[in-house]
Amino acid sequence: MPHAYGLRARTRHLFARPFRRHGQDPIGRMLVNYRIGDYVDAVVDGSKHLGMPHKVYCGRTGRVFDVGKRAIGVIFNKRVRTTVLPKRLHVRFEHLRKSRCHEEFLRRIRAVSYTHLRAHETVLDLVCRLLLEKKKKKKK
């Protein structure tokens, strides 16, 4: 048989639903609130054909730039030869889920900001970058 070059070529396993996960989607997927700036993962649901991203973006993480009634605008980075191009796609919510890639960063930021607050309130010498800069200014 001749070789196929269609949009969904070579996606037999990529777009297939997982084992024992056929049928209707859980209601929680529809109730997720997406905001501009959120990180999302493109997880293509093969049973929903509308608003499906291209197979290149399956498994990618992007950033939300637009939220509409039915679709969410996402910026994905796509490597084309030697350059990385930001691609703007509108994808329906069935094919997206919130990413957990940013959680660890946010947790570290909260811990550092808490330390900084405590450091300014106390007279003790706590080691953090902000206080070291503060001491340098006092010495001058």
N, C-alpha and C. Protein backbone atom coordinates (compact mmCIF):
# COMPACT_ATOMS: atom_id res chain seq x y z
N MET A 1 0.84 -1.20 0.00
CA MET A 1 0.00 0.00 0.00
C MET A 1 0.87 1.24 0.00
N PRO A 2 0.38 2.33 -0.59
CA PRO A 2 1.16 3.57 -0.59
C PRO A 2 1.24 4.20 0.80
N HIS A 3 2.25 4.98 0.97
CA HIS A 3 2.50 5.64 2.26
C HIS A 3 1.55 6.82 2.43
N ALA A 4 1.00 7.01 3.65
CA ALA A 4 0.03 8.09 3.90
C ALA A 4 0.71 9.27 4.57
N TYR A 5 0.33 10.48 4.18
CA TYR A 5 0.91 11.70 4.74
C TYR A 5 -0.15 12.61 5.36
N GLY A 6 -1.29 12.07 5.78
CA GLY A 6 -2.38 12.87 6.30
C GLY A 6 -2.07 13.51 7.65
N LEU A 7 -3.00 14.35 8.12
CA LEU A 7 -2.83 15.04 9.40
C LEU A 7 -2.73 14.07 10.56
N ARG A 8 -3.48 12.96 10.48
CA ARG A 8 -3.50 12.00 11.59
C ARG A 8 -2.71 10.74 11.25
N ALA A 9 -1.77 10.85 10.34
CA ALA A 9 -0.96 9.68 9.97
C ALA A 9 -0.06 9.29 11.13
N ARG A 10 0.11 7.99 11.35
CA ARG A 10 0.96 7.42 12.41
C ARG A 10 0.52 7.85 13.81
N THR A 11 -0.79 7.89 14.04
CA THR A 11 -1.29 8.28 15.37
C THR A 11 -2.17 7.19 15.97
N ARG A 12 -2.00 5.95 15.52
CA ARG A 12 -2.86 4.87 15.99
C ARG A 12 -2.77 4.71 17.51
N HIS A 13 -1.59 4.70 18.06
CA HIS A 13 -1.43 4.55 19.50
C HIS A 13 -1.38 5.90 20.21
N LEU A 14 -0.98 6.94 19.51
CA LEU A 14 -0.85 8.27 20.11
C LEU A 14 -2.21 8.83 20.53
N PHE A 15 -3.22 8.69 19.68
CA PHE A 15 -4.54 9.24 19.96
C PHE A 15 -5.49 8.21 20.58
N ALA A 16 -5.04 7.00 20.83
CA ALA A 16 -5.92 5.96 21.40
C ALA A 16 -6.19 6.25 22.88
N ARG A 17 -7.40 5.94 23.32
CA ARG A 17 -7.72 6.09 24.74
C ARG A 17 -6.99 5.01 25.53
N PRO A 18 -6.61 5.31 26.76
CA PRO A 18 -5.92 4.30 27.58
C PRO A 18 -6.82 3.10 27.90
N PHE A 19 -6.20 2.03 28.33
CA PHE A 19 -6.92 0.80 28.68
C PHE A 19 -7.89 1.08 29.82
N ARG A 20 -9.13 0.65 29.67
CA ARG A 20 -10.23 0.84 30.61
C ARG A 20 -10.57 2.30 30.86
N ARG A 21 -10.31 3.16 29.91
CA ARG A 21 -10.65 4.58 30.05
C ARG A 21 -11.54 5.06 28.89
N HIS A 22 -12.26 4.13 28.28
CA HIS A 22 -13.16 4.48 27.18
C HIS A 22 -14.46 5.04 27.75
N GLY A 23 -15.26 5.62 26.88
CA GLY A 23 -16.55 6.14 27.31
C GLY A 23 -16.49 7.62 27.62
N GLN A 24 -17.43 8.07 28.45
CA GLN A 24 -17.54 9.50 28.75
C GLN A 24 -16.39 9.96 29.63
N ASP A 25 -16.08 11.25 29.47
CA ASP A 25 -15.03 11.85 30.30
C ASP A 25 -15.57 12.18 31.67
N PRO A 26 -14.70 12.22 32.68
CA PRO A 26 -15.16 12.65 34.01
C PRO A 26 -15.58 14.11 33.98
N ILE A 27 -16.57 14.45 34.79
CA ILE A 27 -17.12 15.81 34.80
C ILE A 27 -16.09 16.83 35.27
N GLY A 28 -15.13 16.39 36.07
CA GLY A 28 -14.12 17.30 36.60
C GLY A 28 -13.29 17.97 35.54
N ARG A 29 -13.15 17.34 34.39
CA ARG A 29 -12.36 17.93 33.31
C ARG A 29 -13.02 19.21 32.78
N MET A 30 -14.34 19.25 32.83
CA MET A 30 -15.06 20.42 32.34
C MET A 30 -15.07 21.56 33.37
N LEU A 31 -14.87 21.22 34.63
CA LEU A 31 -14.99 22.21 35.69
C LEU A 31 -13.67 22.90 36.04
N VAL A 32 -12.61 22.60 35.32
CA VAL A 32 -11.30 23.20 35.61
C VAL A 32 -11.29 24.64 35.09
N ASN A 33 -10.85 25.56 35.92
CA ASN A 33 -10.73 26.96 35.51
C ASN A 33 -9.32 27.21 34.98
N TYR A 34 -9.24 27.72 33.77
CA TYR A 34 -7.95 28.09 33.18
C TYR A 34 -7.83 29.60 33.17
N ARG A 35 -6.68 30.09 33.59
CA ARG A 35 -6.43 31.54 33.60
C ARG A 35 -5.26 31.84 32.72
N ILE A 36 -5.17 33.08 32.27
CA ILE A 36 -4.05 33.49 31.44
C ILE A 36 -2.77 33.38 32.27
N GLY A 37 -1.76 32.75 31.67
CA GLY A 37 -0.49 32.56 32.35
C GLY A 37 -0.32 31.18 32.95
N ASP A 38 -1.39 30.38 33.01
CA ASP A 38 -1.29 29.01 33.54
C ASP A 38 -0.49 28.13 32.58
N TYR A 39 0.19 27.15 33.15
CA TYR A 39 0.88 26.14 32.35
C TYR A 39 -0.08 24.98 32.14
N VAL A 40 -0.19 24.49 30.90
CA VAL A 40 -1.06 23.37 30.58
C VAL A 40 -0.31 22.35 29.74
N ASP A 41 -0.71 21.09 29.87
CA ASP A 41 -0.16 20.00 29.07
C ASP A 41 -1.18 19.63 28.01
N ALA A 42 -0.72 19.42 26.79
CA ALA A 42 -1.59 18.98 25.71
C ALA A 42 -1.65 17.46 25.75
N VAL A 43 -2.79 16.93 26.18
CA VAL A 43 -3.02 15.49 26.23
C VAL A 43 -4.21 15.24 25.32
N VAL A 44 -3.95 14.78 24.12
CA VAL A 44 -4.99 14.67 23.10
C VAL A 44 -5.94 13.53 23.43
N ASP A 45 -7.22 13.84 23.38
CA ASP A 45 -8.28 12.84 23.57
C ASP A 45 -8.79 12.46 22.19
N GLY A 46 -8.51 11.24 21.77
CA GLY A 46 -8.84 10.81 20.42
C GLY A 46 -10.33 10.68 20.16
N SER A 47 -11.15 10.59 21.21
CA SER A 47 -12.59 10.45 21.00
C SER A 47 -13.27 11.78 20.70
N LYS A 48 -12.59 12.88 20.96
CA LYS A 48 -13.13 14.22 20.66
C LYS A 48 -12.33 14.79 19.49
N HIS A 49 -13.02 15.03 18.38
CA HIS A 49 -12.32 15.46 17.18
C HIS A 49 -12.23 16.97 17.04
N LEU A 50 -13.16 17.70 17.67
CA LEU A 50 -13.14 19.15 17.54
C LEU A 50 -12.06 19.76 18.42
N GLY A 51 -11.38 20.77 17.92
CA GLY A 51 -10.40 21.50 18.71
C GLY A 51 -9.19 20.69 19.09
N MET A 52 -8.88 19.67 18.30
CA MET A 52 -7.75 18.80 18.60
C MET A 52 -6.47 19.42 18.04
N PRO A 53 -5.40 19.50 18.86
CA PRO A 53 -4.15 20.03 18.33
C PRO A 53 -3.46 19.00 17.41
N HIS A 54 -2.52 19.43 16.63
CA HIS A 54 -1.77 18.55 15.76
C HIS A 54 -0.95 17.58 16.60
N LYS A 55 -0.62 16.43 16.01
CA LYS A 55 0.11 15.40 16.75
C LYS A 55 1.47 15.87 17.25
N VAL A 56 2.03 16.90 16.64
CA VAL A 56 3.33 17.44 17.06
C VAL A 56 3.26 17.99 18.48
N TYR A 57 2.10 18.54 18.86
CA TYR A 57 1.96 19.19 20.16
C TYR A 57 1.50 18.24 21.26
N CYS A 58 1.25 16.99 20.94
CA CYS A 58 0.78 16.02 21.93
C CYS A 58 1.89 15.76 22.96
N GLY A 59 1.57 15.97 24.22
CA GLY A 59 2.55 15.79 25.29
C GLY A 59 3.36 17.02 25.60
N ARG A 60 3.13 18.13 24.90
CA ARG A 60 3.89 19.36 25.13
C ARG A 60 3.26 20.18 26.24
N THR A 61 4.08 21.03 26.84
CA THR A 61 3.60 21.97 27.86
C THR A 61 3.61 23.36 27.27
N GLY A 62 2.53 24.09 27.47
CA GLY A 62 2.42 25.45 26.95
C GLY A 62 1.84 26.39 27.99
N ARG A 63 1.72 27.65 27.57
CA ARG A 63 1.21 28.69 28.47
C ARG A 63 -0.07 29.28 27.90
N VAL A 64 -1.06 29.49 28.75
CA VAL A 64 -2.36 30.02 28.30
C VAL A 64 -2.23 31.51 28.02
N PHE A 65 -2.68 31.93 26.82
CA PHE A 65 -2.69 33.35 26.50
C PHE A 65 -4.09 33.89 26.24
N ASP A 66 -5.08 33.00 26.10
CA ASP A 66 -6.44 33.44 25.82
C ASP A 66 -7.41 32.38 26.32
N VAL A 67 -8.52 32.82 26.89
CA VAL A 67 -9.56 31.90 27.35
C VAL A 67 -10.87 32.31 26.70
N GLY A 68 -11.45 31.39 25.95
CA GLY A 68 -12.71 31.65 25.28
C GLY A 68 -13.82 30.79 25.86
N LYS A 69 -14.98 30.80 25.18
CA LYS A 69 -16.11 30.00 25.66
C LYS A 69 -15.82 28.51 25.58
N ARG A 70 -15.29 28.07 24.46
CA ARG A 70 -15.09 26.64 24.24
C ARG A 70 -13.62 26.26 24.09
N ALA A 71 -12.79 27.22 23.76
CA ALA A 71 -11.38 26.89 23.51
C ALA A 71 -10.47 27.76 24.35
N ILE A 72 -9.27 27.25 24.54
CA ILE A 72 -8.26 27.96 25.32
C ILE A 72 -7.07 28.19 24.40
N GLY A 73 -6.61 29.43 24.34
CA GLY A 73 -5.44 29.76 23.52
C GLY A 73 -4.17 29.42 24.28
N VAL A 74 -3.28 28.64 23.64
CA VAL A 74 -2.06 28.17 24.29
C VAL A 74 -0.87 28.47 23.39
N ILE A 75 0.23 28.90 24.01
CA ILE A 75 1.48 29.11 23.27
C ILE A 75 2.38 27.91 23.53
N PHE A 76 2.71 27.20 22.46
CA PHE A 76 3.66 26.08 22.52
C PHE A 76 4.93 26.49 21.81
N ASN A 77 6.05 25.98 22.28
CA ASN A 77 7.32 26.18 21.58
C ASN A 77 7.55 25.01 20.66
N LYS A 78 7.79 25.31 19.37
CA LYS A 78 8.02 24.27 18.38
C LYS A 78 9.40 24.48 17.77
N ARG A 79 10.20 23.42 17.76
CA ARG A 79 11.54 23.51 17.19
C ARG A 79 11.46 23.24 15.69
N VAL A 80 11.91 24.22 14.90
CA VAL A 80 11.97 24.08 13.45
C VAL A 80 13.43 24.26 13.05
N ARG A 81 14.07 23.16 12.72
CA ARG A 81 15.51 23.10 12.44
C ARG A 81 16.30 23.65 13.62
N THR A 82 16.84 24.85 13.51
CA THR A 82 17.69 25.36 14.59
C THR A 82 16.99 26.41 15.44
N THR A 83 15.80 26.82 15.07
CA THR A 83 15.12 27.87 15.83
C THR A 83 13.93 27.30 16.60
N VAL A 84 13.56 27.97 17.66
CA VAL A 84 12.39 27.60 18.44
C VAL A 84 11.34 28.68 18.23
N LEU A 85 10.22 28.29 17.64
CA LEU A 85 9.16 29.25 17.31
C LEU A 85 8.01 29.13 18.31
N PRO A 86 7.53 30.25 18.86
CA PRO A 86 6.33 30.17 19.70
C PRO A 86 5.09 30.08 18.81
N LYS A 87 4.35 28.99 18.96
CA LYS A 87 3.15 28.76 18.15
C LYS A 87 1.92 29.00 19.01
N ARG A 88 0.97 29.78 18.48
CA ARG A 88 -0.27 30.08 19.20
C ARG A 88 -1.39 29.22 18.63
N LEU A 89 -1.96 28.37 19.49
CA LEU A 89 -3.05 27.48 19.08
C LEU A 89 -4.26 27.70 19.98
N HIS A 90 -5.43 27.49 19.42
CA HIS A 90 -6.65 27.45 20.22
C HIS A 90 -7.07 26.00 20.30
N VAL A 91 -7.07 25.47 21.53
CA VAL A 91 -7.33 24.06 21.76
C VAL A 91 -8.52 23.95 22.70
N ARG A 92 -9.40 22.99 22.43
CA ARG A 92 -10.53 22.78 23.33
C ARG A 92 -10.07 22.14 24.63
N PHE A 93 -10.84 22.37 25.69
CA PHE A 93 -10.42 21.95 27.04
C PHE A 93 -10.30 20.44 27.17
N GLU A 94 -10.97 19.65 26.30
CA GLU A 94 -10.88 18.19 26.40
C GLU A 94 -9.46 17.69 26.16
N HIS A 95 -8.68 18.48 25.45
CA HIS A 95 -7.33 18.06 25.08
C HIS A 95 -6.25 18.69 25.97
N LEU A 96 -6.66 19.35 27.04
CA LEU A 96 -5.70 20.01 27.93
C LEU A 96 -5.88 19.55 29.37
N ARG A 97 -4.81 19.65 30.14
CA ARG A 97 -4.91 19.51 31.59
C ARG A 97 -3.86 20.40 32.21
N LYS A 98 -4.13 20.86 33.43
CA LYS A 98 -3.19 21.75 34.10
C LYS A 98 -1.88 21.02 34.35
N SER A 99 -0.80 21.73 34.11
CA SER A 99 0.53 21.13 34.27
C SER A 99 1.00 21.28 35.70
N ARG A 100 1.82 20.33 36.14
CA ARG A 100 2.38 20.38 37.48
C ARG A 100 3.84 20.83 37.45
N CYS A 101 4.29 21.34 36.29
CA CYS A 101 5.69 21.70 36.14
C CYS A 101 6.08 22.92 36.97
N HIS A 102 5.12 23.75 37.32
CA HIS A 102 5.40 25.02 37.99
C HIS A 102 5.24 24.94 39.50
N GLU A 103 4.70 23.81 40.01
CA GLU A 103 4.38 23.70 41.43
C GLU A 103 5.62 23.79 42.32
N GLU A 104 6.68 23.09 41.96
CA GLU A 104 7.89 23.08 42.77
C GLU A 104 8.50 24.48 42.85
N PHE A 105 8.50 25.18 41.73
CA PHE A 105 9.02 26.56 41.70
C PHE A 105 8.22 27.46 42.63
N LEU A 106 6.89 27.37 42.56
CA LEU A 106 6.03 28.20 43.41
C LEU A 106 6.22 27.86 44.89
N ARG A 107 6.42 26.58 45.19
CA ARG A 107 6.64 26.17 46.57
C ARG A 107 7.94 26.78 47.11
N ARG A 108 8.99 26.77 46.29
CA ARG A 108 10.27 27.36 46.71
C ARG A 108 10.15 28.86 46.89
N ILE A 109 9.41 29.53 46.01
CA ILE A 109 9.23 30.98 46.10
C ILE A 109 8.50 31.34 47.39
N ARG A 110 7.45 30.57 47.74
CA ARG A 110 6.71 30.84 48.97
C ARG A 110 7.61 30.70 50.19
N ALA A 111 8.45 29.67 50.19
CA ALA A 111 9.34 29.45 51.33
C ALA A 111 10.35 30.58 51.46
N VAL A 112 10.90 31.03 50.35
CA VAL A 112 11.90 32.11 50.37
C VAL A 112 11.26 33.41 50.80
N SER A 113 10.07 33.72 50.29
CA SER A 113 9.42 34.98 50.66
C SER A 113 9.05 34.98 52.14
N TYR A 114 8.65 33.82 52.67
CA TYR A 114 8.35 33.72 54.10
C TYR A 114 9.60 33.99 54.92
N THR A 115 10.74 33.43 54.49
CA THR A 115 12.01 33.65 55.19
C THR A 115 12.39 35.12 55.17
N HIS A 116 12.18 35.76 54.04
CA HIS A 116 12.51 37.18 53.93
C HIS A 116 11.65 38.02 54.87
N LEU A 117 10.37 37.69 54.96
CA LEU A 117 9.49 38.42 55.88
C LEU A 117 9.96 38.28 57.32
N ARG A 118 10.25 37.05 57.74
CA ARG A 118 10.72 36.80 59.10
C ARG A 118 12.06 37.50 59.34
N ALA A 119 12.93 37.54 58.32
CA ALA A 119 14.25 38.12 58.48
C ALA A 119 14.16 39.62 58.74
N HIS A 120 13.24 40.30 58.10
CA HIS A 120 13.12 41.74 58.30
C HIS A 120 12.48 42.08 59.65
N GLU A 121 11.67 41.14 60.17
CA GLU A 121 11.02 41.40 61.45
C GLU A 121 11.95 41.17 62.64
N THR A 122 12.90 40.24 62.52
CA THR A 122 13.78 39.90 63.65
C THR A 122 15.12 40.61 63.54
N VAL A 123 15.85 40.58 64.63
CA VAL A 123 17.17 41.20 64.65
C VAL A 123 18.26 40.15 64.38
N LEU A 124 17.88 38.89 64.33
CA LEU A 124 18.85 37.82 64.11
C LEU A 124 19.42 37.89 62.70
N ASP A 125 20.63 37.37 62.54
CA ASP A 125 21.26 37.35 61.22
C ASP A 125 20.85 36.07 60.49
N LEU A 126 19.85 36.17 59.65
CA LEU A 126 19.44 35.04 58.84
C LEU A 126 20.14 35.14 57.49
N VAL A 127 20.57 34.01 56.97
CA VAL A 127 21.33 34.01 55.72
C VAL A 127 20.35 33.96 54.54
N CYS A 128 20.26 35.04 53.85
CA CYS A 128 19.53 35.08 52.60
C CYS A 128 20.05 36.27 51.80
N ARG A 129 19.86 36.20 50.53
CA ARG A 129 20.45 37.17 49.62
C ARG A 129 20.02 38.60 49.93
N LEU A 130 18.73 38.78 50.24
CA LEU A 130 18.23 40.12 50.51
C LEU A 130 18.93 40.76 51.71
N LEU A 131 19.12 39.97 52.76
CA LEU A 131 19.74 40.52 53.95
C LEU A 131 21.21 40.81 53.75
N LEU A 132 21.89 39.98 52.94
CA LEU A 132 23.30 40.24 52.66
C LEU A 132 23.45 41.58 51.93
N GLU A 133 22.53 41.85 50.98
CA GLU A 133 22.56 43.13 50.28
C GLU A 133 22.27 44.27 51.25
N LYS A 134 21.37 44.03 52.18
CA LYS A 134 21.00 45.06 53.16
C LYS A 134 22.20 45.41 54.06
N LYS A 135 22.97 44.36 54.45
CA LYS A 135 24.15 44.59 55.29
C LYS A 135 25.24 45.33 54.52
N LYS A 136 25.38 45.04 53.24
CA LYS A 136 26.40 45.72 52.42
C LYS A 136 26.10 47.21 52.34
N LYS A 137 24.82 47.55 52.22
CA LYS A 137 24.43 48.96 52.14
C LYS A 137 24.71 49.67 53.47
N LYS A 138 24.49 48.99 54.59
CA LYS A 138 24.75 49.58 55.90
C LYS A 138 26.23 49.87 56.11
N LYS A 139 27.12 48.97 55.62
CA LYS A 139 28.56 49.14 55.79
C LYS A 139 29.08 50.36 55.03
N LYS A 140 28.48 50.68 53.89
CA LYS A 140 28.96 51.79 53.06
C LYS A 140 28.63 53.11 53.61
